[in-house]
C-alpha atoms as a PDB file:
ATOM      1  CA  MET A   1     -12.273  -6.873  -8.956  1.00  0.00           C
ATOM      2  CA  TYR A   2      -9.010  -5.669  -7.499  1.00  0.00           C
ATOM      3  CA  GLU A   3      -9.559  -4.116  -4.076  1.00  0.00           C
ATOM      4  CA  TYR A   4      -6.820  -2.469  -2.027  1.00  0.00           C
ATOM      5  CA  HIS A   5      -6.504  -0.447   1.185  1.00  0.00           C
ATOM      6  CA  GLY A   6      -3.231   0.686   2.689  1.00  0.00           C
ATOM      7  CA  TRP A   7      -1.269   3.164   4.756  1.00  0.00           C
ATOM      8  CA  ALA A   8       2.391   3.821   5.411  1.00  0.00           C
ATOM      9  CA  THR A   9       4.146   6.054   7.911  1.00  0.00           C
ATOM     10  CA  ILE A  10       7.041   7.673   6.071  1.00  0.00           C
ATOM     11  CA  ARG A  11      10.395   7.514   7.797  1.00  0.00           C
ATOM     12  CA  GLU A  12      13.753   8.477   6.348  1.00  0.00           C
ATOM     13  CA  CYS A  13      15.437   5.886   8.581  1.00  0.00           C
ATOM     14  CA  ALA A  14      14.538   3.543  11.433  1.00  0.00           C
ATOM     15  CA  SER A  15      16.209   5.753  14.044  1.00  0.00           C
ATOM     16  CA  PHE A  16      14.041   7.729  16.460  1.00  0.00           C
ATOM     17  CA  GLU A  17      16.102  10.822  15.714  1.00  0.00           C
ATOM     18  CA  GLU A  18      15.891  11.467  11.995  1.00  0.00           C
ATOM     19  CA  ASN A  19      17.889  14.109  10.176  1.00  0.00           C
ATOM     20  CA  GLU A  20      15.277  16.791   9.458  1.00  0.00           C
ATOM     21  CA  TYR A  21      16.997  17.928   6.267  1.00  0.00           C
ATOM     22  CA  GLN A  22      17.205  14.350   4.929  1.00  0.00           C
ATOM     23  CA  TYR A  23      13.589  13.749   5.944  1.00  0.00           C
ATOM     24  CA  GLY A  24      12.554  16.820   3.959  1.00  0.00           C
ATOM     25  CA  LEU A  25      14.373  15.512   0.889  1.00  0.00           C
ATOM     26  CA  VAL A  26      12.684  12.116   1.272  1.00  0.00           C
ATOM     27  CA  ILE A  27       9.245  13.732   1.484  1.00  0.00           C
ATOM     28  CA  GLN A  28       9.993  15.899  -1.553  1.00  0.00           C
ATOM     29  CA  HIS A  29      11.127  12.835  -3.533  1.00  0.00           C
ATOM     30  CA  LEU A  30       8.051  10.850  -2.459  1.00  0.00           C
ATOM     31  CA  ARG A  31       5.680  13.688  -3.369  1.00  0.00           C
ATOM     32  CA  GLU A  32       7.319  14.006  -6.796  1.00  0.00           C
ATOM     33  CA  TYR A  33       6.984  10.249  -7.343  1.00  0.00           C
ATOM     34  CA  VAL A  34       3.275  10.298  -6.408  1.00  0.00           C
ATOM     35  CA  GLU A  35       2.647  13.369  -8.568  1.00  0.00           C
ATOM     36  CA  GLU A  36       4.399  11.793 -11.586  1.00  0.00           C
ATOM     37  CA  LEU A  37       2.270   8.657 -11.225  1.00  0.00           C
ATOM     38  CA  ASN A  38      -0.871  10.718 -11.798  1.00  0.00           C
ATOM     39  CA  TRP A  39      -2.842   7.942 -10.031  1.00  0.00           C
ATOM     40  CA  PRO A  40      -5.672   6.987 -12.412  1.00  0.00           C
ATOM     41  CA  THR A  41      -8.257   5.511  -9.989  1.00  0.00           C
ATOM     42  CA  GLY A  42      -8.919   5.315  -6.292  1.00  0.00           C
ATOM     43  CA  VAL A  43      -6.822   7.306  -3.849  1.00  0.00           C
ATOM     44  CA  LEU A  44      -3.084   7.819  -3.464  1.00  0.00           C
ATOM     45  CA  ASP A  45      -2.115  10.655  -1.178  1.00  0.00           C
ATOM     46  CA  VAL A  46       0.810  11.876   0.931  1.00  0.00           C
ATOM     47  CA  ARG A  47      -0.112  14.103   3.855  1.00  0.00           C
ATOM     48  CA  ALA A  48       1.387  15.532   7.000  1.00  0.00           C
ATOM     49  CA  VAL A  49      -0.315  14.384  10.186  1.00  0.00           C
ATOM     50  CA  ASN A  50       0.899  15.961  13.424  1.00  0.00           C
ATOM     51  CA  GLY A  51       4.305  16.648  11.900  1.00  0.00           C
ATOM     52  CA  ASP A  52       4.854  13.206  10.348  1.00  0.00           C
ATOM     53  CA  PHE A  53       4.023  12.207   6.806  1.00  0.00           C
ATOM     54  CA  GLN A  54       1.815   9.320   5.780  1.00  0.00           C
ATOM     55  CA  LEU A  55       0.880   7.735   2.490  1.00  0.00           C
ATOM     56  CA  TRP A  56      -2.691   6.504   2.038  1.00  0.00           C
ATOM     57  CA  THR A  57      -4.051   4.446  -0.797  1.00  0.00           C
ATOM     58  CA  ALA A  58      -7.361   2.736  -1.526  1.00  0.00           C
ATOM     59  CA  GLY A  59      -9.284   1.639  -4.555  1.00  0.00           C
ATOM     60  CA  LEU A  60     -11.490  -0.855  -6.327  1.00  0.00           C
ATOM     61  CA  ASP A  61     -10.488  -1.502  -9.932  1.00  0.00           C
ATOM     62  CA  ASN A  62     -12.046  -3.866 -12.467  1.00  0.00           C
ATOM     63  CA  HIS A  63      -8.739  -5.722 -12.884  1.00  0.00           C
ATOM     64  CA  LYS A  64      -5.250  -5.780 -11.378  1.00  0.00           C
ATOM     65  CA  PRO A  65      -3.469  -2.596 -12.447  1.00  0.00           C
ATOM     66  CA  VAL A  66      -0.330  -2.623 -14.589  1.00  0.00           C
ATOM     67  CA  SER A  67       2.887  -2.587 -12.560  1.00  0.00           C
ATOM     68  CA  LYS A  68       3.332   1.199 -12.485  1.00  0.00           C
ATOM     69  CA  TYR A  69      -0.090   1.550 -10.805  1.00  0.00           C
ATOM     70  CA  ASP A  70       0.051  -1.616  -8.709  1.00  0.00           C
ATOM     71  CA  PRO A  71      -0.234  -0.574  -5.035  1.00  0.00           C
ATOM     72  CA  THR A  72       2.272  -3.254  -4.004  1.00  0.00           C
ATOM     73  CA  GLU A  73       4.812  -1.658  -6.348  1.00  0.00           C
ATOM     74  CA  VAL A  74       4.034   1.750  -4.846  1.00  0.00           C
ATOM     75  CA  PHE A  75       4.807   0.324  -1.390  1.00  0.00           C
ATOM     76  CA  ARG A  76       8.091  -1.113  -2.707  1.00  0.00           C
ATOM     77  CA  LYS A  77       9.000   2.300  -4.108  1.00  0.00           C
ATOM     78  CA  VAL A  78       8.142   3.945  -0.781  1.00  0.00           C
ATOM     79  CA  GLY A  79      10.555   1.490   0.844  1.00  0.00           C
ATOM     80  CA  GLU A  80      13.300   2.499  -1.599  1.00  0.00           C
ATOM     81  CA  ILE A  81      12.732   6.219  -1.137  1.00  0.00           C
ATOM     82  CA  ALA A  82      12.204   6.060   2.636  1.00  0.00           C
ATOM     83  CA  PRO A  83      13.819   2.898   4.060  1.00  0.00           C
ATOM     84  CA  GLY A  84      12.624   3.484   7.622  1.00  0.00           C
ATOM     85  CA  SER A  85       8.965   3.433   6.559  1.00  0.00           C
ATOM     86  CA  TYR A  86       6.370   0.983   7.812  1.00  0.00           C
ATOM     87  CA  GLY A  87       2.763   0.177   6.978  1.00  0.00           C
ATOM     88  CA  ILE A  88       0.099  -2.284   5.863  1.00  0.00           C
ATOM     89  CA  LEU A  89      -1.545  -2.917   2.493  1.00  0.00           C
ATOM     90  CA  TYR A  90      -4.551  -5.220   2.074  1.00  0.00           C
ATOM     91  CA  VAL A  91      -5.233  -6.558  -1.447  1.00  0.00           C
ATOM     92  CA  ARG A  92      -7.844  -8.886  -2.918  1.00  0.00           C
ATOM     93  CA  ASP A  93      -7.728  -9.870  -6.587  1.00  0.00           C
ATOM     94  CA  SER A  94     -10.908 -11.728  -7.595  1.00  0.00           C
ATOM     95  CA  ASP A  95      -9.339 -12.560 -10.992  1.00  0.00           C
ATOM     96  CA  ASP A  96      -6.492 -14.553  -9.427  1.00  0.00           C
ATOM     97  CA  THR A  97      -7.535 -18.199  -9.758  1.00  0.00           C
ATOM     98  CA  GLU A  98      -5.468 -19.295  -6.732  1.00  0.00           C
ATOM     99  CA  THR A  99      -6.144 -16.477  -4.256  1.00  0.00           C
ATOM    100  CA  PHE A 100      -9.478 -14.977  -5.417  1.00  0.00           C
ATOM    101  CA  ASN A 101     -11.156 -15.837  -2.100  1.00  0.00           C
ATOM    102  CA  GLN A 102      -8.635 -14.241   0.231  1.00  0.00           C
ATOM    103  CA  PHE A 103      -6.971 -10.991   1.034  1.00  0.00           C
ATOM    104  CA  LYS A 104      -3.201 -10.758   0.947  1.00  0.00           C
ATOM    105  CA  VAL A 105      -1.549  -8.519   3.502  1.00  0.00           C
ATOM    106  CA  TYR A 106       1.618  -6.730   2.454  1.00  0.00           C
ATOM    107  CA  THR A 107       3.711  -5.369   5.294  1.00  0.00           C
ATOM    108  CA  LEU A 108       6.212  -2.583   4.808  1.00  0.00           C
ATOM    109  CA  VAL A 109       8.836  -2.922   7.539  1.00  0.00           C
ATOM    110  CA  ARG A 110      12.134  -1.009   7.478  1.00  0.00           C
ATOM    111  CA  GLY A 111      11.576  -0.316   3.800  1.00  0.00           C
ATOM    112  CA  LYS A 112      11.001  -3.962   2.779  1.00  0.00           C
ATOM    113  CA  VAL A 113       7.677  -5.363   1.515  1.00  0.00           C
ATOM    114  CA  MET A 114       6.618  -8.875   2.494  1.00  0.00           C
ATOM    115  CA  GLU A 115       3.485 -10.795   1.473  1.00  0.00           C
ATOM    116  CA  ASN A 116       1.430 -12.426   4.247  1.00  0.00           C
ATOM    117  CA  ASN A 117      -1.801 -14.391   4.488  1.00  0.00           C
ATOM    118  CA  ASP A 118      -4.751 -12.578   6.024  1.00  0.00           C
ATOM    119  CA  PRO A 119      -6.233 -14.085   9.211  1.00  0.00           C
ATOM    120  CA  PHE A 120      -9.044 -11.534   9.682  1.00  0.00           C
ATOM    121  CA  LEU A 121     -11.066 -11.030   6.479  1.00  0.00           C
ATOM    122  CA  SER A 122     -10.390 -14.292   4.681  1.00  0.00           C
ATOM    123  CA  PRO A 123     -11.842 -16.420   3.279  1.00  0.00           C
ATOM    124  CA  PHE A 124     -13.872 -13.697   1.574  1.00  0.00           C
ATOM    125  CA  ILE A 125     -16.662 -16.216   0.922  1.00  0.00           C
ATOM    126  CA  PRO A 126     -18.364 -17.052   3.323  1.00  0.00           C
ATOM    127  CA  LYS A 127     -16.852 -14.662   5.911  1.00  0.00           C
ATOM    128  CA  LEU A 128     -17.676 -11.378   4.133  1.00  0.00           C
ATOM    129  CA  GLU A 129     -19.945 -12.372   1.293  1.00  0.00           C
ATOM    130  CA  ASP A 130     -22.448 -15.182   0.691  1.00  0.00           C
ATOM    131  CA  ASP A 131     -21.611 -17.825  -1.881  1.00  0.00           C
ATOM    132  CA  TYR A 132     -23.087 -17.230  -5.322  1.00  0.00           C
ATOM    133  CA  GLU A 133     -26.183 -19.334  -5.892  1.00  0.00           C
ATOM    134  CA  GLY A 134     -26.829 -19.385  -9.608  1.00  0.00           C
END
């Protein structure tokens, strides 16, 4: 299984005082990107919350999605479109022979995505699920 949960606050730049016109263009571009993806499973949504925009994504697929639908690639694209954005994406890929028992945490900081080890939910077995006894 490929499980993912993430959020990103969309920022046109890292400055407190963004250009409202530029911010509007960024949001329009991001919405068009999300719409063109036509997300096949789970959730991918851009919404305004108290005047700021956020991207939310979550899902549980049978296998890791192809690159276009890979949530880590979506976060990278968000960083390109809106380089002041920040957020967190948790991913666990049970098919990955090296990391099947842990979540990876992807941070989006100033538009750049970095992979990190998870200190909270890993190792998946035995922290979250009992070992298989067959």
